[in-house]
Amino acid sequence: AFIYLDLKTRLPDHFIQQYEKLTYAAGLRWETPFLDKKVIEFTAKIPEPESLSEIDATHYLRRLMRPHFPESVVDRPKRSRKSFLS
């Protein structure tokens, strides 16, 4: 239910389409791999957020990314926002 609500209300308000048009105009390619229909259907089958720990969410996301991204990306160490900004 939360995913459906986000897809119908929040997602259209984001600037994804504008970014896509701007980058194409500049000769760049803008991709949104996590908005793929198969990805959304997969995430809709995941248990509700209150029963999903951070470790479980990480496991699902890595399993989803593994066929499409190199191991160096999938298995990279976690970086906190504070360390990322420094």
PDB file of N, CA and C in Angstrom:
ATOM      1  N   ALA A   1       0.821  -1.192   0.000  1.00  0.00           N
ATOM      2  CA  ALA A   1       0.000   0.000   0.000  1.00  0.00           C
ATOM      3  C   ALA A   1       0.870   1.263   0.000  1.00  0.00           C
ATOM      4  N   PHE A   2       1.985   1.225   0.766  1.00  0.00           N
ATOM      5  CA  PHE A   2       2.866   2.394   0.820  1.00  0.00           C
ATOM      6  C   PHE A   2       3.524   2.654  -0.535  1.00  0.00           C
ATOM      7  N   ILE A   3       3.942   1.577  -1.182  1.00  0.00           N
ATOM      8  CA  ILE A   3       4.583   1.730  -2.489  1.00  0.00           C
ATOM      9  C   ILE A   3       3.596   2.307  -3.504  1.00  0.00           C
ATOM     10  N   TYR A   4       2.389   1.790  -3.500  1.00  0.00           N
ATOM     11  CA  TYR A   4       1.367   2.283  -4.422  1.00  0.00           C
ATOM     12  C   TYR A   4       1.111   3.774  -4.178  1.00  0.00           C
ATOM     13  N   LEU A   5       0.982   4.151  -2.916  1.00  0.00           N
ATOM     14  CA  LEU A   5       0.753   5.553  -2.589  1.00  0.00           C
ATOM     15  C   LEU A   5       1.904   6.428  -3.080  1.00  0.00           C
ATOM     16  N   ASP A   6       3.137   5.993  -2.853  1.00  0.00           N
ATOM     17  CA  ASP A   6       4.293   6.755  -3.329  1.00  0.00           C
ATOM     18  C   ASP A   6       4.321   6.855  -4.849  1.00  0.00           C
ATOM     19  N   LEU A   7       4.014   5.758  -5.527  1.00  0.00           N
ATOM     20  CA  LEU A   7       4.028   5.764  -6.994  1.00  0.00           C
ATOM     21  C   LEU A   7       2.980   6.707  -7.564  1.00  0.00           C
ATOM     22  N   LYS A   8       1.861   6.804  -6.896  1.00  0.00           N
ATOM     23  CA  LYS A   8       0.769   7.640  -7.400  1.00  0.00           C
ATOM     24  C   LYS A   8       0.843   9.095  -6.942  1.00  0.00           C
ATOM     25  N   THR A   9       1.505   9.364  -5.815  1.00  0.00           N
ATOM     26  CA  THR A   9       1.503  10.730  -5.284  1.00  0.00           C
ATOM     27  C   THR A   9       2.880  11.387  -5.286  1.00  0.00           C
ATOM     28  N   ARG A  10       3.873  10.769  -4.690  1.00  0.00           N
ATOM     29  CA  ARG A  10       5.189  11.408  -4.549  1.00  0.00           C
ATOM     30  C   ARG A  10       6.002  11.395  -5.830  1.00  0.00           C
ATOM     31  N   LEU A  11       6.016  10.248  -6.500  1.00  0.00           N
ATOM     32  CA  LEU A  11       6.866  10.101  -7.675  1.00  0.00           C
ATOM     33  C   LEU A  11       6.564  11.113  -8.781  1.00  0.00           C
ATOM     34  N   PRO A  12       5.301  11.361  -9.105  1.00  0.00           N
ATOM     35  CA  PRO A  12       5.034  12.360 -10.161  1.00  0.00           C
ATOM     36  C   PRO A  12       5.514  13.768  -9.806  1.00  0.00           C
ATOM     37  N   ASP A  13       5.647  14.070  -8.519  1.00  0.00           N
ATOM     38  CA  ASP A  13       6.099  15.396  -8.108  1.00  0.00           C
ATOM     39  C   ASP A  13       7.607  15.568  -8.195  1.00  0.00           C
ATOM     40  N   HIS A  14       8.335  14.479  -8.327  1.00  0.00           N
ATOM     41  CA  HIS A  14       9.785  14.573  -8.430  1.00  0.00           C
ATOM     42  C   HIS A  14      10.165  15.034  -9.833  1.00  0.00           C
ATOM     43  N   PHE A  15      11.369  15.481  -9.967  1.00  0.00           N
ATOM     44  CA  PHE A  15      11.804  16.103 -11.213  1.00  0.00           C
ATOM     45  C   PHE A  15      12.499  15.124 -12.154  1.00  0.00           C
ATOM     46  N   ILE A  16      12.150  13.847 -12.067  1.00  0.00           N
ATOM     47  CA  ILE A  16      12.826  12.835 -12.862  1.00  0.00           C
ATOM     48  C   ILE A  16      12.675  13.104 -14.358  1.00  0.00           C
ATOM     49  N   GLN A  17      11.478  13.406 -14.796  1.00  0.00           N
ATOM     50  CA  GLN A  17      11.269  13.643 -16.233  1.00  0.00           C
ATOM     51  C   GLN A  17      11.997  14.896 -16.712  1.00  0.00           C
ATOM     52  N   GLN A  18      12.017  15.937 -15.887  1.00  0.00           N
ATOM     53  CA  GLN A  18      12.724  17.154 -16.275  1.00  0.00           C
ATOM     54  C   GLN A  18      14.227  16.887 -16.392  1.00  0.00           C
ATOM     55  N   TYR A  19      14.781  16.119 -15.434  1.00  0.00           N
ATOM     56  CA  TYR A  19      16.205  15.778 -15.485  1.00  0.00           C
ATOM     57  C   TYR A  19      16.509  14.968 -16.736  1.00  0.00           C
ATOM     58  N   GLU A  20      15.631  14.052 -17.055  1.00  0.00           N
ATOM     59  CA  GLU A  20      15.826  13.220 -18.237  1.00  0.00           C
ATOM     60  C   GLU A  20      15.869  14.083 -19.496  1.00  0.00           C
ATOM     61  N   LYS A  21      14.944  15.020 -19.636  1.00  0.00           N
ATOM     62  CA  LYS A  21      14.915  15.889 -20.814  1.00  0.00           C
ATOM     63  C   LYS A  21      16.153  16.795 -20.869  1.00  0.00           C
ATOM     64  N   LEU A  22      16.543  17.349 -19.717  1.00  0.00           N
ATOM     65  CA  LEU A  22      17.718  18.226 -19.685  1.00  0.00           C
ATOM     66  C   LEU A  22      18.996  17.483 -20.042  1.00  0.00           C
ATOM     67  N   THR A  23      19.152  16.286 -19.524  1.00  0.00           N
ATOM     68  CA  THR A  23      20.381  15.543 -19.811  1.00  0.00           C
ATOM     69  C   THR A  23      20.426  15.090 -21.268  1.00  0.00           C
ATOM     70  N   TYR A  24      19.285  14.674 -21.827  1.00  0.00           N
ATOM     71  CA  TYR A  24      19.259  14.312 -23.242  1.00  0.00           C
ATOM     72  C   TYR A  24      19.602  15.516 -24.110  1.00  0.00           C
ATOM     73  N   ALA A  25      19.126  16.684 -23.740  1.00  0.00           N
ATOM     74  CA  ALA A  25      19.420  17.897 -24.505  1.00  0.00           C
ATOM     75  C   ALA A  25      20.912  18.213 -24.481  1.00  0.00           C
ATOM     76  N   ALA A  26      21.593  17.820 -23.397  1.00  0.00           N
ATOM     77  CA  ALA A  26      23.025  18.063 -23.272  1.00  0.00           C
ATOM     78  C   ALA A  26      23.855  16.893 -23.808  1.00  0.00           C
ATOM     79  N   GLY A  27      23.183  15.902 -24.389  1.00  0.00           N
ATOM     80  CA  GLY A  27      23.900  14.767 -24.946  1.00  0.00           C
ATOM     81  C   GLY A  27      24.281  13.712 -23.922  1.00  0.00           C
ATOM     82  N   LEU A  28      23.653  13.758 -22.762  1.00  0.00           N
ATOM     83  CA  LEU A  28      23.917  12.774 -21.708  1.00  0.00           C
ATOM     84  C   LEU A  28      22.733  11.832 -21.585  1.00  0.00           C
ATOM     85  N   ARG A  29      22.948  10.743 -20.908  1.00  0.00           N
ATOM     86  CA  ARG A  29      21.869   9.779 -20.724  1.00  0.00           C
ATOM     87  C   ARG A  29      21.529   9.661 -19.246  1.00  0.00           C
ATOM     88  N   TRP A  30      20.292   9.897 -18.905  1.00  0.00           N
ATOM     89  CA  TRP A  30      19.806   9.827 -17.527  1.00  0.00           C
ATOM     90  C   TRP A  30      19.023   8.538 -17.385  1.00  0.00           C
ATOM     91  N   GLU A  31      19.423   7.679 -16.444  1.00  0.00           N
ATOM     92  CA  GLU A  31      18.713   6.429 -16.236  1.00  0.00           C
ATOM     93  C   GLU A  31      18.228   6.329 -14.800  1.00  0.00           C
ATOM     94  N   THR A  32      17.092   5.710 -14.634  1.00  0.00           N
ATOM     95  CA  THR A  32      16.537   5.465 -13.310  1.00  0.00           C
ATOM     96  C   THR A  32      16.275   3.971 -13.159  1.00  0.00           C
ATOM     97  N   PRO A  33      17.340   3.190 -12.873  1.00  0.00           N
ATOM     98  CA  PRO A  33      17.185   1.731 -12.845  1.00  0.00           C
ATOM     99  C   PRO A  33      16.246   1.229 -11.759  1.00  0.00           C
ATOM    100  N   PHE A  34      16.081   1.970 -10.677  1.00  0.00           N
ATOM    101  CA  PHE A  34      15.224   1.502  -9.600  1.00  0.00           C
ATOM    102  C   PHE A  34      13.746   1.806  -9.853  1.00  0.00           C
ATOM    103  N   LEU A  35      13.431   2.436 -10.979  1.00  0.00           N
ATOM    104  CA  LEU A  35      12.040   2.668 -11.350  1.00  0.00           C
ATOM    105  C   LEU A  35      11.574   1.686 -12.423  1.00  0.00           C
ATOM    106  N   ASP A  36      12.368   0.686 -12.673  1.00  0.00           N
ATOM    107  CA  ASP A  36      11.992  -0.361 -13.610  1.00  0.00           C
ATOM    108  C   ASP A  36      10.782  -1.122 -13.067  1.00  0.00           C
ATOM    109  N   LYS A  37       9.879  -1.522 -13.955  1.00  0.00           N
ATOM    110  CA  LYS A  37       8.652  -2.206 -13.536  1.00  0.00           C
ATOM    111  C   LYS A  37       8.953  -3.461 -12.720  1.00  0.00           C
ATOM    112  N   LYS A  38       9.956  -4.238 -13.137  1.00  0.00           N
ATOM    113  CA  LYS A  38      10.305  -5.474 -12.423  1.00  0.00           C
ATOM    114  C   LYS A  38      10.824  -5.166 -11.019  1.00  0.00           C
ATOM    115  N   VAL A  39      11.586  -4.103 -10.883  1.00  0.00           N
ATOM    116  CA  VAL A  39      12.110  -3.719  -9.564  1.00  0.00           C
ATOM    117  C   VAL A  39      10.964  -3.325  -8.640  1.00  0.00           C
ATOM    118  N   ILE A  40      10.036  -2.552  -9.152  1.00  0.00           N
ATOM    119  CA  ILE A  40       8.902  -2.115  -8.333  1.00  0.00           C
ATOM    120  C   ILE A  40       8.031  -3.300  -7.935  1.00  0.00           C
ATOM    121  N   GLU A  41       7.792  -4.225  -8.874  1.00  0.00           N
ATOM    122  CA  GLU A  41       7.019  -5.415  -8.532  1.00  0.00           C
ATOM    123  C   GLU A  41       7.731  -6.258  -7.484  1.00  0.00           C
ATOM    124  N   PHE A  42       9.049  -6.368  -7.595  1.00  0.00           N
ATOM    125  CA  PHE A  42       9.831  -7.113  -6.612  1.00  0.00           C
ATOM    126  C   PHE A  42       9.721  -6.480  -5.225  1.00  0.00           C
ATOM    127  N   THR A  43       9.876  -5.163  -5.166  1.00  0.00           N
ATOM    128  CA  THR A  43       9.819  -4.494  -3.864  1.00  0.00           C
ATOM    129  C   THR A  43       8.424  -4.538  -3.257  1.00  0.00           C
ATOM    130  N   ALA A  44       7.403  -4.613  -4.100  1.00  0.00           N
ATOM    131  CA  ALA A  44       6.035  -4.703  -3.584  1.00  0.00           C
ATOM    132  C   ALA A  44       5.795  -6.027  -2.864  1.00  0.00           C
ATOM    133  N   LYS A  45       6.581  -7.042  -3.192  1.00  0.00           N
ATOM    134  CA  LYS A  45       6.429  -8.355  -2.560  1.00  0.00           C
ATOM    135  C   LYS A  45       7.208  -8.480  -1.250  1.00  0.00           C
ATOM    136  N   ILE A  46       8.066  -7.520  -0.958  1.00  0.00           N
ATOM    137  CA  ILE A  46       8.857  -7.549   0.273  1.00  0.00           C
ATOM    138  C   ILE A  46       7.933  -7.278   1.459  1.00  0.00           C
ATOM    139  N   PRO A  47       8.192  -7.909   2.607  1.00  0.00           N
ATOM    140  CA  PRO A  47       7.341  -7.694   3.779  1.00  0.00           C
ATOM    141  C   PRO A  47       7.211  -6.208   4.152  1.00  0.00           C
ATOM    142  N   GLU A  48       6.167  -5.899   4.880  1.00  0.00           N
ATOM    143  CA  GLU A  48       5.919  -4.525   5.309  1.00  0.00           C
ATOM    144  C   GLU A  48       7.122  -3.949   6.070  1.00  0.00           C
ATOM    145  N   PRO A  49       7.339  -2.630   5.991  1.00  0.00           N
ATOM    146  CA  PRO A  49       8.511  -2.007   6.605  1.00  0.00           C
ATOM    147  C   PRO A  49       8.712  -2.305   8.084  1.00  0.00           C
ATOM    148  N   GLU A  50       7.651  -2.407   8.884  1.00  0.00           N
ATOM    149  CA  GLU A  50       7.846  -2.635  10.317  1.00  0.00           C
ATOM    150  C   GLU A  50       8.434  -4.015  10.614  1.00  0.00           C
ATOM    151  N   SER A  51       8.322  -4.958   9.661  1.00  0.00           N
ATOM    152  CA  SER A  51       8.879  -6.285   9.881  1.00  0.00           C
ATOM    153  C   SER A  51      10.189  -6.486   9.123  1.00  0.00           C
ATOM    154  N   LEU A  52      10.734  -5.453   8.541  1.00  0.00           N
ATOM    155  CA  LEU A  52      11.931  -5.548   7.721  1.00  0.00           C
ATOM    156  C   LEU A  52      13.057  -4.767   8.383  1.00  0.00           C
ATOM    157  N   SER A  53      14.080  -5.464   8.838  1.00  0.00           N
ATOM    158  CA  SER A  53      15.212  -4.778   9.467  1.00  0.00           C
ATOM    159  C   SER A  53      16.134  -4.200   8.392  1.00  0.00           C
ATOM    160  N   GLU A  54      17.066  -3.371   8.801  1.00  0.00           N
ATOM    161  CA  GLU A  54      18.004  -2.763   7.857  1.00  0.00           C
ATOM    162  C   GLU A  54      18.862  -3.832   7.186  1.00  0.00           C
ATOM    163  N   ILE A  55      19.230  -4.855   7.935  1.00  0.00           N
ATOM    164  CA  ILE A  55      20.040  -5.939   7.370  1.00  0.00           C
ATOM    165  C   ILE A  55      19.249  -6.683   6.296  1.00  0.00           C
ATOM    166  N   ASP A  56      17.963  -6.942   6.559  1.00  0.00           N
ATOM    167  CA  ASP A  56      17.126  -7.618   5.567  1.00  0.00           C
ATOM    168  C   ASP A  56      16.977  -6.767   4.310  1.00  0.00           C
ATOM    169  N   ALA A  57      16.780  -5.475   4.483  1.00  0.00           N
ATOM    170  CA  ALA A  57      16.632  -4.579   3.333  1.00  0.00           C
ATOM    171  C   ALA A  57      17.911  -4.572   2.501  1.00  0.00           C
ATOM    172  N   THR A  58      19.048  -4.586   3.162  1.00  0.00           N
ATOM    173  CA  THR A  58      20.328  -4.623   2.466  1.00  0.00           C
ATOM    174  C   THR A  58      20.451  -5.908   1.664  1.00  0.00           C
ATOM    175  N   HIS A  59      20.046  -7.012   2.256  1.00  0.00           N
ATOM    176  CA  HIS A  59      20.105  -8.304   1.563  1.00  0.00           C
ATOM    177  C   HIS A  59      19.254  -8.276   0.293  1.00  0.00           C
ATOM    178  N   TYR A  60      18.032  -7.780   0.386  1.00  0.00           N
ATOM    179  CA  TYR A  60      17.149  -7.718  -0.782  1.00  0.00           C
ATOM    180  C   TYR A  60      17.733  -6.824  -1.878  1.00  0.00           C
ATOM    181  N   LEU A  61      18.230  -5.673  -1.492  1.00  0.00           N
ATOM    182  CA  LEU A  61      18.762  -4.738  -2.474  1.00  0.00           C
ATOM    183  C   LEU A  61      19.999  -5.305  -3.159  1.00  0.00           C
ATOM    184  N   ARG A  62      20.888  -5.926  -2.395  1.00  0.00           N
ATOM    185  CA  ARG A  62      22.086  -6.525  -2.999  1.00  0.00           C
ATOM    186  C   ARG A  62      21.717  -7.655  -3.947  1.00  0.00           C
ATOM    187  N   ARG A  63      20.748  -8.466  -3.569  1.00  0.00           N
ATOM    188  CA  ARG A  63      20.301  -9.555  -4.430  1.00  0.00           C
ATOM    189  C   ARG A  63      19.743  -8.999  -5.743  1.00  0.00           C
ATOM    190  N   LEU A  64      19.061  -7.898  -5.659  1.00  0.00           N
ATOM    191  CA  LEU A  64      18.478  -7.258  -6.832  1.00  0.00           C
ATOM    192  C   LEU A  64      19.555  -6.620  -7.715  1.00  0.00           C
ATOM    193  N   MET A  65      20.585  -6.059  -7.106  1.00  0.00           N
ATOM    194  CA  MET A  65      21.634  -5.360  -7.841  1.00  0.00           C
ATOM    195  C   MET A  65      22.672  -6.292  -8.464  1.00  0.00           C
ATOM    196  N   ARG A  66      22.899  -7.451  -7.849  1.00  0.00           N
ATOM    197  CA  ARG A  66      23.994  -8.339  -8.232  1.00  0.00           C
ATOM    198  C   ARG A  66      24.083  -8.636  -9.739  1.00  0.00           C
ATOM    199  N   PRO A  67      22.987  -8.941 -10.440  1.00  0.00           N
ATOM    200  CA  PRO A  67      23.132  -9.245 -11.870  1.00  0.00           C
ATOM    201  C   PRO A  67      23.448  -8.029 -12.747  1.00  0.00           C
ATOM    202  N   HIS A  68      23.255  -6.831 -12.207  1.00  0.00           N
ATOM    203  CA  HIS A  68      23.368  -5.634 -13.042  1.00  0.00           C
ATOM    204  C   HIS A  68      24.562  -4.743 -12.734  1.00  0.00           C
ATOM    205  N   PHE A  69      25.174  -4.918 -11.579  1.00  0.00           N
ATOM    206  CA  PHE A  69      26.281  -4.060 -11.170  1.00  0.00           C
ATOM    207  C   PHE A  69      27.509  -4.901 -10.849  1.00  0.00           C
ATOM    208  N   PRO A  70      28.704  -4.331 -10.976  1.00  0.00           N
ATOM    209  CA  PRO A  70      29.911  -5.080 -10.632  1.00  0.00           C
ATOM    210  C   PRO A  70      29.980  -5.359  -9.128  1.00  0.00           C
ATOM    211  N   GLU A  71      30.727  -6.393  -8.766  1.00  0.00           N
ATOM    212  CA  GLU A  71      30.874  -6.782  -7.360  1.00  0.00           C
ATOM    213  C   GLU A  71      31.402  -5.632  -6.501  1.00  0.00           C
ATOM    214  N   SER A  72      32.271  -4.808  -7.085  1.00  0.00           N
ATOM    215  CA  SER A  72      32.836  -3.695  -6.318  1.00  0.00           C
ATOM    216  C   SER A  72      31.760  -2.706  -5.873  1.00  0.00           C
ATOM    217  N   VAL A  73      30.676  -2.614  -6.618  1.00  0.00           N
ATOM    218  CA  VAL A  73      29.570  -1.734  -6.245  1.00  0.00           C
ATOM    219  C   VAL A  73      28.634  -2.438  -5.264  1.00  0.00           C
ATOM    220  N   VAL A  74      28.294  -3.669  -5.563  1.00  0.00           N
ATOM    221  CA  VAL A  74      27.332  -4.408  -4.752  1.00  0.00           C
ATOM    222  C   VAL A  74      27.865  -4.679  -3.352  1.00  0.00           C
ATOM    223  N   ASP A  75      29.123  -5.051  -3.244  1.00  0.00           N
ATOM    224  CA  ASP A  75      29.699  -5.438  -1.946  1.00  0.00           C
ATOM    225  C   ASP A  75      30.565  -4.359  -1.303  1.00  0.00           C
ATOM    226  N   ARG A  76      30.367  -3.131  -1.685  1.00  0.00           N
ATOM    227  CA  ARG A  76      31.167  -2.059  -1.091  1.00  0.00           C
ATOM    228  C   ARG A  76      30.770  -1.860   0.372  1.00  0.00           C
ATOM    229  N   PRO A  77      31.679  -1.363   1.177  1.00  0.00           N
ATOM    230  CA  PRO A  77      31.339  -1.146   2.594  1.00  0.00           C
ATOM    231  C   PRO A  77      30.345  -0.001   2.755  1.00  0.00           C
ATOM    232  N   LYS A  78      29.578  -0.082   3.817  1.00  0.00           N
ATOM    233  CA  LYS A  78      28.587   0.952   4.100  1.00  0.00           C
ATOM    234  C   LYS A  78      29.286   2.261   4.449  1.00  0.00           C
ATOM    235  N   ARG A  79      28.762   3.357   3.907  1.00  0.00           N
ATOM    236  CA  ARG A  79      29.300   4.683   4.220  1.00  0.00           C
ATOM    237  C   ARG A  79      28.187   5.516   4.811  1.00  0.00           C
ATOM    238  N   SER A  80      28.436   6.092   5.939  1.00  0.00           N
ATOM    239  CA  SER A  80      27.425   6.940   6.559  1.00  0.00           C
ATOM    240  C   SER A  80      27.401   8.298   5.864  1.00  0.00           C
ATOM    241  N   ARG A  81      26.333   9.017   6.047  1.00  0.00           N
ATOM    242  CA  ARG A  81      26.208  10.340   5.438  1.00  0.00           C
ATOM    243  C   ARG A  81      27.327  11.263   5.920  1.00  0.00           C
ATOM    244  N   LYS A  82      27.676  11.177   7.185  1.00  0.00           N
ATOM    245  CA  LYS A  82      28.712  12.047   7.730  1.00  0.00           C
ATOM    246  C   LYS A  82      30.051  11.770   7.060  1.00  0.00           C
ATOM    247  N   SER A  83      30.432  10.506   6.910  1.00  0.00           N
ATOM    248  CA  SER A  83      31.700  10.189   6.277  1.00  0.00           C
ATOM    249  C   SER A  83      31.656  10.494   4.785  1.00  0.00           C
ATOM    250  N   PHE A  84      30.492  10.354   4.167  1.00  0.00           N
ATOM    251  CA  PHE A  84      30.355  10.634   2.745  1.00  0.00           C
ATOM    252  C   PHE A  84      30.583  12.127   2.479  1.00  0.00           C
ATOM    253  N   LEU A  85      30.042  12.989   3.316  1.00  0.00           N
ATOM    254  CA  LEU A  85      30.174  14.430   3.099  1.00  0.00           C
ATOM    255  C   LEU A  85      31.564  14.951   3.431  1.00  0.00           C
ATOM    256  N   SER A  86      32.294  14.233   4.258  1.00  0.00           N
ATOM    257  CA  SER A  86      33.650  14.695   4.586  1.00  0.00           C
ATOM    258  C   SER A  86      34.584  14.289   3.464  1.00  0.00           C
TER     259      SER A  86
END
